[in-house]
Amino acid sequence: MRRATLAALQDARRAKRPVALVTDLDDGRKALIDGGEVVAGDLVLSSPALDAAEAALKRDRSGCLAEPDSRLFVETFNPPLRLIIVGAVHIAQKLAPMAGLAGYAVTVVDPRRAFATDSRFPDVALRHDWPDEAVHALAPDHRTALITLTHDPKLDDPALAAALASEAFYVGALGSTRTHAKRLDRLAEAGLADDQLRRIHGPLGLPLGGRAPAEIAIAALAQMTQVLHGAPPLEKRA
């Protein structure tokens, strides 16, 4: 790899920008894709090959491109997965370690210090500022999911509004269908647009039928995984 290409790749990774490195397996030429454009390297890509490499980056999948570009190998370099959980409740205690096993760096946000403690959330990053302030500080990107669990509009609604103004790939909110309808009404009155409100996954999680905290956590993580990888949605719950 040429020094300039390596430097550009390292710069992008330090800045936590998603980039893809395409290599011609026949001659070793390379192209670094950043922001949908080739920014370094000596490999010229066709428009279809560039689109295919961008799609691989979005799916976070390295490998050979399909015919007729099968001699091109794409390596994807994405920022780490992150999960912001608003509400240091029982479901959060189950969800945080599960998400950690799935590769997420987890942050639990709750200004109620009696709930958000190291003893209840060992080895999990905790924040005690107001949820919307925490979300703004954490700056969710397209590799970040956010879930609200408190059932308290004073905590959940500001966090949801902040997340919906970001690139977060998943925004979920705990609550029944009726609770979610009221939530949408409040957020609409606060000025959020319909296309933003449609991004909220509520009721939270895939409809697996479980009601225990661990079961709800499994359903939430399953839905996050589904959305992350662009899998088709299951039939909506009644």
C-alpha atoms as a PDB file:
ATOM      1  CA  MET A   1       0.000   0.000   0.000  1.00  0.00           C
ATOM      2  CA  ARG A   2       1.318   3.423  -0.885  1.00  0.00           C
ATOM      3  CA  ARG A   3       2.195   5.687   2.013  1.00  0.00           C
ATOM      4  CA  ALA A   4      -0.354   8.351   1.042  1.00  0.00           C
ATOM      5  CA  THR A   5      -3.160   5.785   0.907  1.00  0.00           C
ATOM      6  CA  LEU A   6      -2.172   4.345   4.286  1.00  0.00           C
ATOM      7  CA  ALA A   7      -2.033   7.849   5.803  1.00  0.00           C
ATOM      8  CA  ALA A   8      -5.492   8.673   4.456  1.00  0.00           C
ATOM      9  CA  LEU A   9      -6.873   5.406   5.858  1.00  0.00           C
ATOM     10  CA  GLN A  10      -5.344   6.070   9.276  1.00  0.00           C
ATOM     11  CA  ASP A  11      -6.683   9.635   9.306  1.00  0.00           C
ATOM     12  CA  ALA A  12     -10.194   8.413   8.526  1.00  0.00           C
ATOM     13  CA  ARG A  13     -10.076   5.744  11.215  1.00  0.00           C
ATOM     14  CA  ARG A  14      -8.846   8.232  13.812  1.00  0.00           C
ATOM     15  CA  ALA A  15     -11.749  10.501  12.870  1.00  0.00           C
ATOM     16  CA  LYS A  16     -14.124   7.494  13.044  1.00  0.00           C
ATOM     17  CA  ARG A  17     -15.300   7.985   9.481  1.00  0.00           C
ATOM     18  CA  PRO A  18     -16.552   4.927   7.584  1.00  0.00           C
ATOM     19  CA  VAL A  19     -14.178   4.087   4.724  1.00  0.00           C
ATOM     20  CA  ALA A  20     -13.669   1.202   2.336  1.00  0.00           C
ATOM     21  CA  LEU A  21     -10.390   0.021   0.820  1.00  0.00           C
ATOM     22  CA  VAL A  22     -10.726  -1.709  -2.552  1.00  0.00           C
ATOM     23  CA  THR A  23      -7.837  -3.857  -3.824  1.00  0.00           C
ATOM     24  CA  ASP A  24      -7.364  -5.271  -7.308  1.00  0.00           C
ATOM     25  CA  LEU A  25      -6.303  -8.858  -6.573  1.00  0.00           C
ATOM     26  CA  ASP A  26      -4.501  -9.115  -9.909  1.00  0.00           C
ATOM     27  CA  ASP A  27      -2.060  -6.238  -9.565  1.00  0.00           C
ATOM     28  CA  GLY A  28      -2.440  -4.930  -6.003  1.00  0.00           C
ATOM     29  CA  ARG A  29      -3.659  -1.458  -6.929  1.00  0.00           C
ATOM     30  CA  LYS A  30      -5.875   0.131  -4.288  1.00  0.00           C
ATOM     31  CA  ALA A  31      -8.597   2.756  -3.948  1.00  0.00           C
ATOM     32  CA  LEU A  32      -9.737   4.297  -0.668  1.00  0.00           C
ATOM     33  CA  ILE A  33     -13.390   5.338  -0.603  1.00  0.00           C
ATOM     34  CA  ASP A  34     -14.421   8.046   1.841  1.00  0.00           C
ATOM     35  CA  GLY A  35     -17.756   9.832   1.661  1.00  0.00           C
ATOM     36  CA  GLY A  36     -18.728   8.049  -1.541  1.00  0.00           C
ATOM     37  CA  GLU A  37     -15.614   9.147  -3.425  1.00  0.00           C
ATOM     38  CA  VAL A  38     -12.176   7.715  -4.115  1.00  0.00           C
ATOM     39  CA  VAL A  39      -9.849   9.924  -2.074  1.00  0.00           C
ATOM     40  CA  ALA A  40      -6.550   8.020  -2.352  1.00  0.00           C
ATOM     41  CA  GLY A  41      -4.891   5.213  -4.268  1.00  0.00           C
ATOM     42  CA  ASP A  42      -4.013   4.311  -7.846  1.00  0.00           C
ATOM     43  CA  LEU A  43      -7.009   2.101  -8.695  1.00  0.00           C
ATOM     44  CA  VAL A  44      -9.707   3.566 -10.941  1.00  0.00           C
ATOM     45  CA  LEU A  45     -13.186   2.226 -10.110  1.00  0.00           C
ATOM     46  CA  SER A  46     -16.179   2.074 -12.396  1.00  0.00           C
ATOM     47  CA  SER A  47     -19.432   3.566 -11.110  1.00  0.00           C
ATOM     48  CA  PRO A  48     -20.963   0.100 -10.498  1.00  0.00           C
ATOM     49  CA  ALA A  49     -17.862  -1.026  -8.589  1.00  0.00           C
ATOM     50  CA  LEU A  50     -17.907   2.147  -6.497  1.00  0.00           C
ATOM     51  CA  ASP A  51     -21.593   1.628  -5.714  1.00  0.00           C
ATOM     52  CA  ALA A  52     -20.951  -2.011  -4.778  1.00  0.00           C
ATOM     53  CA  ALA A  53     -18.116  -1.028  -2.459  1.00  0.00           C
ATOM     54  CA  GLU A  54     -20.336   1.607  -0.822  1.00  0.00           C
ATOM     55  CA  ALA A  55     -23.055  -1.011  -0.331  1.00  0.00           C
ATOM     56  CA  ALA A  56     -20.537  -3.361   1.287  1.00  0.00           C
ATOM     57  CA  LEU A  57     -19.479  -0.556   3.621  1.00  0.00           C
ATOM     58  CA  LYS A  58     -23.075   0.115   4.579  1.00  0.00           C
ATOM     59  CA  ARG A  59     -23.578  -3.602   5.324  1.00  0.00           C
ATOM     60  CA  ASP A  60     -20.203  -3.762   7.103  1.00  0.00           C
ATOM     61  CA  ARG A  61     -19.216  -6.730   4.952  1.00  0.00           C
ATOM     62  CA  SER A  62     -15.733  -7.263   3.521  1.00  0.00           C
ATOM     63  CA  GLY A  63     -15.180  -9.589   0.565  1.00  0.00           C
ATOM     64  CA  CYS A  64     -14.926  -9.866  -3.194  1.00  0.00           C
ATOM     65  CA  LEU A  65     -17.319  -7.825  -5.264  1.00  0.00           C
ATOM     66  CA  ALA A  66     -19.771  -9.601  -7.539  1.00  0.00           C
ATOM     67  CA  GLU A  67     -19.209 -10.173 -11.233  1.00  0.00           C
ATOM     68  CA  PRO A  68     -17.870  -8.530 -13.355  1.00  0.00           C
ATOM     69  CA  ASP A  69     -15.722  -7.028 -10.583  1.00  0.00           C
ATOM     70  CA  SER A  70     -15.016 -10.275  -8.741  1.00  0.00           C
ATOM     71  CA  ARG A  71     -11.259  -9.618  -8.793  1.00  0.00           C
ATOM     72  CA  LEU A  72     -11.835  -6.573  -6.608  1.00  0.00           C
ATOM     73  CA  PHE A  73     -11.698  -7.138  -2.838  1.00  0.00           C
ATOM     74  CA  VAL A  74     -13.255  -4.583  -0.488  1.00  0.00           C
ATOM     75  CA  GLU A  75     -12.247  -4.135   3.156  1.00  0.00           C
ATOM     76  CA  THR A  76     -14.679  -2.132   5.257  1.00  0.00           C
ATOM     77  CA  PHE A  77     -13.613   0.085   8.143  1.00  0.00           C
ATOM     78  CA  ASN A  78     -16.592   1.315  10.120  1.00  0.00           C
ATOM     79  CA  PRO A  79     -16.731   3.186  13.430  1.00  0.00           C
ATOM     80  CA  PRO A  80     -17.528   1.008  16.470  1.00  0.00           C
ATOM     81  CA  LEU A  81     -21.139   0.131  17.186  1.00  0.00           C
ATOM     82  CA  ARG A  82     -22.593   2.115  20.080  1.00  0.00           C
ATOM     83  CA  LEU A  83     -25.768   1.839  22.134  1.00  0.00           C
ATOM     84  CA  ILE A  84     -27.134   4.659  24.265  1.00  0.00           C
ATOM     85  CA  ILE A  85     -29.669   3.469  26.844  1.00  0.00           C
ATOM     86  CA  VAL A  86     -31.762   6.158  28.528  1.00  0.00           C
ATOM     87  CA  GLY A  87     -32.994   4.850  31.844  1.00  0.00           C
ATOM     88  CA  ALA A  88     -31.017   2.743  34.322  1.00  0.00           C
ATOM     89  CA  VAL A  89     -33.900   0.321  34.878  1.00  0.00           C
ATOM     90  CA  HIS A  90     -34.105  -3.481  35.123  1.00  0.00           C
ATOM     91  CA  ILE A  91     -34.363  -3.931  31.349  1.00  0.00           C
ATOM     92  CA  ALA A  92     -31.207  -1.848  30.932  1.00  0.00           C
ATOM     93  CA  GLN A  93     -29.383  -4.153  33.359  1.00  0.00           C
ATOM     94  CA  LYS A  94     -30.140  -7.073  31.054  1.00  0.00           C
ATOM     95  CA  LEU A  95     -29.697  -5.229  27.756  1.00  0.00           C
ATOM     96  CA  ALA A  96     -26.316  -3.635  28.507  1.00  0.00           C
ATOM     97  CA  PRO A  97     -24.314  -6.908  28.811  1.00  0.00           C
ATOM     98  CA  MET A  98     -26.201  -8.495  25.906  1.00  0.00           C
ATOM     99  CA  ALA A  99     -25.362  -5.550  23.665  1.00  0.00           C
ATOM    100  CA  GLY A 100     -21.765  -5.697  24.842  1.00  0.00           C
ATOM    101  CA  LEU A 101     -21.546  -9.310  23.700  1.00  0.00           C
ATOM    102  CA  ALA A 102     -22.949  -8.227  20.319  1.00  0.00           C
ATOM    103  CA  GLY A 103     -20.110  -5.735  19.909  1.00  0.00           C
ATOM    104  CA  TYR A 104     -21.702  -2.501  21.126  1.00  0.00           C
ATOM    105  CA  ALA A 105     -20.009   0.039  23.347  1.00  0.00           C
ATOM    106  CA  VAL A 106     -22.827   0.777  25.790  1.00  0.00           C
ATOM    107  CA  THR A 107     -23.557   4.016  27.625  1.00  0.00           C
ATOM    108  CA  VAL A 108     -26.377   4.242  30.171  1.00  0.00           C
ATOM    109  CA  VAL A 109     -27.810   7.713  30.715  1.00  0.00           C
ATOM    110  CA  ASP A 110     -29.874   8.551  33.787  1.00  0.00           C
ATOM    111  CA  PRO A 111     -29.732  11.681  35.948  1.00  0.00           C
ATOM    112  CA  ARG A 112     -31.123   9.646  38.832  1.00  0.00           C
ATOM    113  CA  ARG A 113     -27.850   8.672  40.486  1.00  0.00           C
ATOM    114  CA  ALA A 114     -29.523   6.120  42.738  1.00  0.00           C
ATOM    115  CA  PHE A 115     -30.347   4.074  39.622  1.00  0.00           C
ATOM    116  CA  ALA A 116     -27.246   4.616  37.485  1.00  0.00           C
ATOM    117  CA  THR A 117     -24.602   3.110  39.768  1.00  0.00           C
ATOM    118  CA  ASP A 118     -21.466   1.087  39.134  1.00  0.00           C
ATOM    119  CA  SER A 119     -22.811  -1.725  41.274  1.00  0.00           C
ATOM    120  CA  ARG A 120     -25.913  -2.073  39.076  1.00  0.00           C
ATOM    121  CA  PHE A 121     -23.990  -1.550  35.816  1.00  0.00           C
ATOM    122  CA  PRO A 122     -20.466  -2.940  36.203  1.00  0.00           C
ATOM    123  CA  ASP A 123     -18.127  -2.199  33.306  1.00  0.00           C
ATOM    124  CA  VAL A 124     -20.695   0.069  31.615  1.00  0.00           C
ATOM    125  CA  ALA A 125     -20.154   3.774  30.901  1.00  0.00           C
ATOM    126  CA  LEU A 126     -22.579   5.901  32.934  1.00  0.00           C
ATOM    127  CA  ARG A 127     -23.720   9.480  32.442  1.00  0.00           C
ATOM    128  CA  HIS A 128     -25.785  11.443  34.931  1.00  0.00           C
ATOM    129  CA  ASP A 129     -26.514  14.549  32.869  1.00  0.00           C
ATOM    130  CA  TRP A 130     -29.915  15.310  31.377  1.00  0.00           C
ATOM    131  CA  PRO A 131     -30.650  12.854  28.544  1.00  0.00           C
ATOM    132  CA  ASP A 132     -30.797  15.350  25.678  1.00  0.00           C
ATOM    133  CA  GLU A 133     -27.552  16.943  26.844  1.00  0.00           C
ATOM    134  CA  ALA A 134     -25.937  13.511  27.038  1.00  0.00           C
ATOM    135  CA  VAL A 135     -27.151  12.581  23.556  1.00  0.00           C
ATOM    136  CA  HIS A 136     -25.804  15.808  22.076  1.00  0.00           C
ATOM    137  CA  ALA A 137     -22.456  15.225  23.798  1.00  0.00           C
ATOM    138  CA  LEU A 138     -22.269  11.622  22.575  1.00  0.00           C
ATOM    139  CA  ALA A 139     -23.073  12.736  18.994  1.00  0.00           C
ATOM    140  CA  PRO A 140     -24.787   9.599  17.622  1.00  0.00           C
ATOM    141  CA  ASP A 141     -23.600   8.559  14.161  1.00  0.00           C
ATOM    142  CA  HIS A 142     -24.920   5.977  11.684  1.00  0.00           C
ATOM    143  CA  ARG A 143     -23.429   3.208  13.845  1.00  0.00           C
ATOM    144  CA  THR A 144     -25.280   4.298  16.993  1.00  0.00           C
ATOM    145  CA  ALA A 145     -28.558   3.010  18.427  1.00  0.00           C
ATOM    146  CA  LEU A 146     -30.578   4.725  21.157  1.00  0.00           C
ATOM    147  CA  ILE A 147     -33.272   3.209  23.356  1.00  0.00           C
ATOM    148  CA  THR A 148     -35.408   4.966  25.963  1.00  0.00           C
ATOM    149  CA  LEU A 149     -36.730   2.925  28.886  1.00  0.00           C
ATOM    150  CA  THR A 150     -37.820   5.281  31.674  1.00  0.00           C
ATOM    151  CA  HIS A 151     -41.535   5.737  30.837  1.00  0.00           C
ATOM    152  CA  ASP A 152     -40.996   9.339  32.009  1.00  0.00           C
ATOM    153  CA  PRO A 153     -41.662  11.887  29.228  1.00  0.00           C
ATOM    154  CA  LYS A 154     -39.385  14.399  30.957  1.00  0.00           C
ATOM    155  CA  LEU A 155     -36.474  12.039  30.373  1.00  0.00           C
ATOM    156  CA  ASP A 156     -37.459  10.035  27.296  1.00  0.00           C
ATOM    157  CA  ASP A 157     -38.890  12.758  25.052  1.00  0.00           C
ATOM    158  CA  PRO A 158     -35.851  15.083  25.035  1.00  0.00           C
ATOM    159  CA  ALA A 159     -33.574  12.119  24.356  1.00  0.00           C
ATOM    160  CA  LEU A 160     -35.746  10.946  21.476  1.00  0.00           C
ATOM    161  CA  ALA A 161     -35.864  14.421  19.955  1.00  0.00           C
ATOM    162  CA  ALA A 162     -32.081  14.684  20.121  1.00  0.00           C
ATOM    163  CA  ALA A 163     -31.602  11.206  18.635  1.00  0.00           C
ATOM    164  CA  LEU A 164     -34.010  11.898  15.781  1.00  0.00           C
ATOM    165  CA  ALA A 165     -31.941  14.936  14.842  1.00  0.00           C
ATOM    166  CA  SER A 166     -28.882  12.683  14.516  1.00  0.00           C
ATOM    167  CA  GLU A 167     -27.769   9.912  12.153  1.00  0.00           C
ATOM    168  CA  ALA A 168     -28.566   7.154  14.680  1.00  0.00           C
ATOM    169  CA  PHE A 169     -29.507   4.016  12.735  1.00  0.00           C
ATOM    170  CA  TYR A 170     -31.983   2.857  15.370  1.00  0.00           C
ATOM    171  CA  VAL A 171     -34.205   4.739  17.795  1.00  0.00           C
ATOM    172  CA  GLY A 172     -36.472   2.684  20.046  1.00  0.00           C
ATOM    173  CA  ALA A 173     -38.831   3.519  22.888  1.00  0.00           C
ATOM    174  CA  LEU A 174     -40.375   1.242  25.521  1.00  0.00           C
ATOM    175  CA  GLY A 175     -44.124   1.385  26.032  1.00  0.00           C
ATOM    176  CA  SER A 176     -47.442   0.009  24.863  1.00  0.00           C
ATOM    177  CA  THR A 177     -49.139   0.978  21.615  1.00  0.00           C
ATOM    178  CA  ARG A 178     -51.291   3.474  23.522  1.00  0.00           C
ATOM    179  CA  THR A 179     -48.286   4.928  25.340  1.00  0.00           C
ATOM    180  CA  HIS A 180     -46.422   5.269  22.067  1.00  0.00           C
ATOM    181  CA  ALA A 181     -49.348   7.048  20.418  1.00  0.00           C
ATOM    182  CA  LYS A 182     -49.365   9.614  23.211  1.00  0.00           C
ATOM    183  CA  ARG A 183     -45.595   9.955  22.874  1.00  0.00           C
ATOM    184  CA  LEU A 184     -45.907  10.682  19.163  1.00  0.00           C
ATOM    185  CA  ASP A 185     -48.543  13.333  19.874  1.00  0.00           C
ATOM    186  CA  ARG A 186     -46.245  15.076  22.364  1.00  0.00           C
ATOM    187  CA  LEU A 187     -43.273  15.008  20.019  1.00  0.00           C
ATOM    188  CA  ALA A 188     -45.381  16.286  17.133  1.00  0.00           C
ATOM    189  CA  GLU A 189     -46.578  19.159  19.302  1.00  0.00           C
ATOM    190  CA  ALA A 190     -42.924  19.859  20.089  1.00  0.00           C
ATOM    191  CA  GLY A 191     -42.298  20.358  16.370  1.00  0.00           C
ATOM    192  CA  LEU A 192     -40.917  17.022  15.160  1.00  0.00           C
ATOM    193  CA  ALA A 193     -41.859  16.111  11.592  1.00  0.00           C
ATOM    194  CA  ASP A 194     -43.741  12.980  10.561  1.00  0.00           C
ATOM    195  CA  ASP A 195     -40.698  11.484   8.827  1.00  0.00           C
ATOM    196  CA  GLN A 196     -38.726  11.849  12.051  1.00  0.00           C
ATOM    197  CA  LEU A 197     -41.454  10.275  14.160  1.00  0.00           C
ATOM    198  CA  ARG A 198     -41.653   7.292  11.803  1.00  0.00           C
ATOM    199  CA  ARG A 199     -38.060   6.481  12.706  1.00  0.00           C
ATOM    200  CA  ILE A 200     -39.045   5.567  16.274  1.00  0.00           C
ATOM    201  CA  HIS A 201     -39.468   1.842  16.864  1.00  0.00           C
ATOM    202  CA  GLY A 202     -42.308   1.689  19.300  1.00  0.00           C
ATOM    203  CA  PRO A 203     -43.476  -0.469  20.926  1.00  0.00           C
ATOM    204  CA  LEU A 204     -39.834  -1.433  21.412  1.00  0.00           C
ATOM    205  CA  GLY A 205     -38.422  -4.628  19.949  1.00  0.00           C
ATOM    206  CA  LEU A 206     -39.561  -7.495  17.763  1.00  0.00           C
ATOM    207  CA  PRO A 207     -42.909  -9.020  18.804  1.00  0.00           C
ATOM    208  CA  LEU A 208     -41.482 -12.121  20.492  1.00  0.00           C
ATOM    209  CA  GLY A 209     -44.166 -12.254  23.182  1.00  0.00           C
ATOM    210  CA  GLY A 210     -41.914 -12.099  26.243  1.00  0.00           C
ATOM    211  CA  ARG A 211     -42.559  -9.688  29.102  1.00  0.00           C
ATOM    212  CA  ALA A 212     -39.667 -10.321  31.492  1.00  0.00           C
ATOM    213  CA  PRO A 213     -36.843  -7.738  31.460  1.00  0.00           C
ATOM    214  CA  ALA A 214     -34.407 -10.144  29.815  1.00  0.00           C
ATOM    215  CA  GLU A 215     -36.980 -11.114  27.188  1.00  0.00           C
ATOM    216  CA  ILE A 216     -37.682  -7.483  26.355  1.00  0.00           C
ATOM    217  CA  ALA A 217     -33.939  -6.884  26.095  1.00  0.00           C
ATOM    218  CA  ILE A 218     -33.620  -9.808  23.668  1.00  0.00           C
ATOM    219  CA  ALA A 219     -36.471  -8.428  21.554  1.00  0.00           C
ATOM    220  CA  ALA A 220     -34.862  -4.976  21.476  1.00  0.00           C
ATOM    221  CA  LEU A 221     -31.423  -6.295  20.524  1.00  0.00           C
ATOM    222  CA  ALA A 222     -32.979  -8.510  17.840  1.00  0.00           C
ATOM    223  CA  GLN A 223     -34.728  -5.525  16.284  1.00  0.00           C
ATOM    224  CA  MET A 224     -31.550  -3.448  16.426  1.00  0.00           C
ATOM    225  CA  THR A 225     -29.743  -6.243  14.593  1.00  0.00           C
ATOM    226  CA  GLN A 226     -32.510  -6.455  12.010  1.00  0.00           C
ATOM    227  CA  VAL A 227     -32.367  -2.729  11.293  1.00  0.00           C
ATOM    228  CA  LEU A 228     -28.564  -2.585  11.321  1.00  0.00           C
ATOM    229  CA  HIS A 229     -28.322  -5.202   8.577  1.00  0.00           C
ATOM    230  CA  GLY A 230     -31.321  -4.028   6.587  1.00  0.00           C
ATOM    231  CA  ALA A 231     -33.256  -7.264   7.000  1.00  0.00           C
ATOM    232  CA  PRO A 232     -36.909  -7.077   5.946  1.00  0.00           C
ATOM    233  CA  PRO A 233     -39.269  -6.293   8.838  1.00  0.00           C
ATOM    234  CA  LEU A 234     -41.532  -8.919  10.284  1.00  0.00           C
ATOM    235  CA  GLU A 235     -45.258  -8.452  10.069  1.00  0.00           C
ATOM    236  CA  LYS A 236     -46.237  -5.581  12.354  1.00  0.00           C
ATOM    237  CA  ARG A 237     -47.852  -6.511  15.625  1.00  0.00           C
ATOM    238  CA  ALA A 238     -51.571  -5.930  15.932  1.00  0.00           C
END
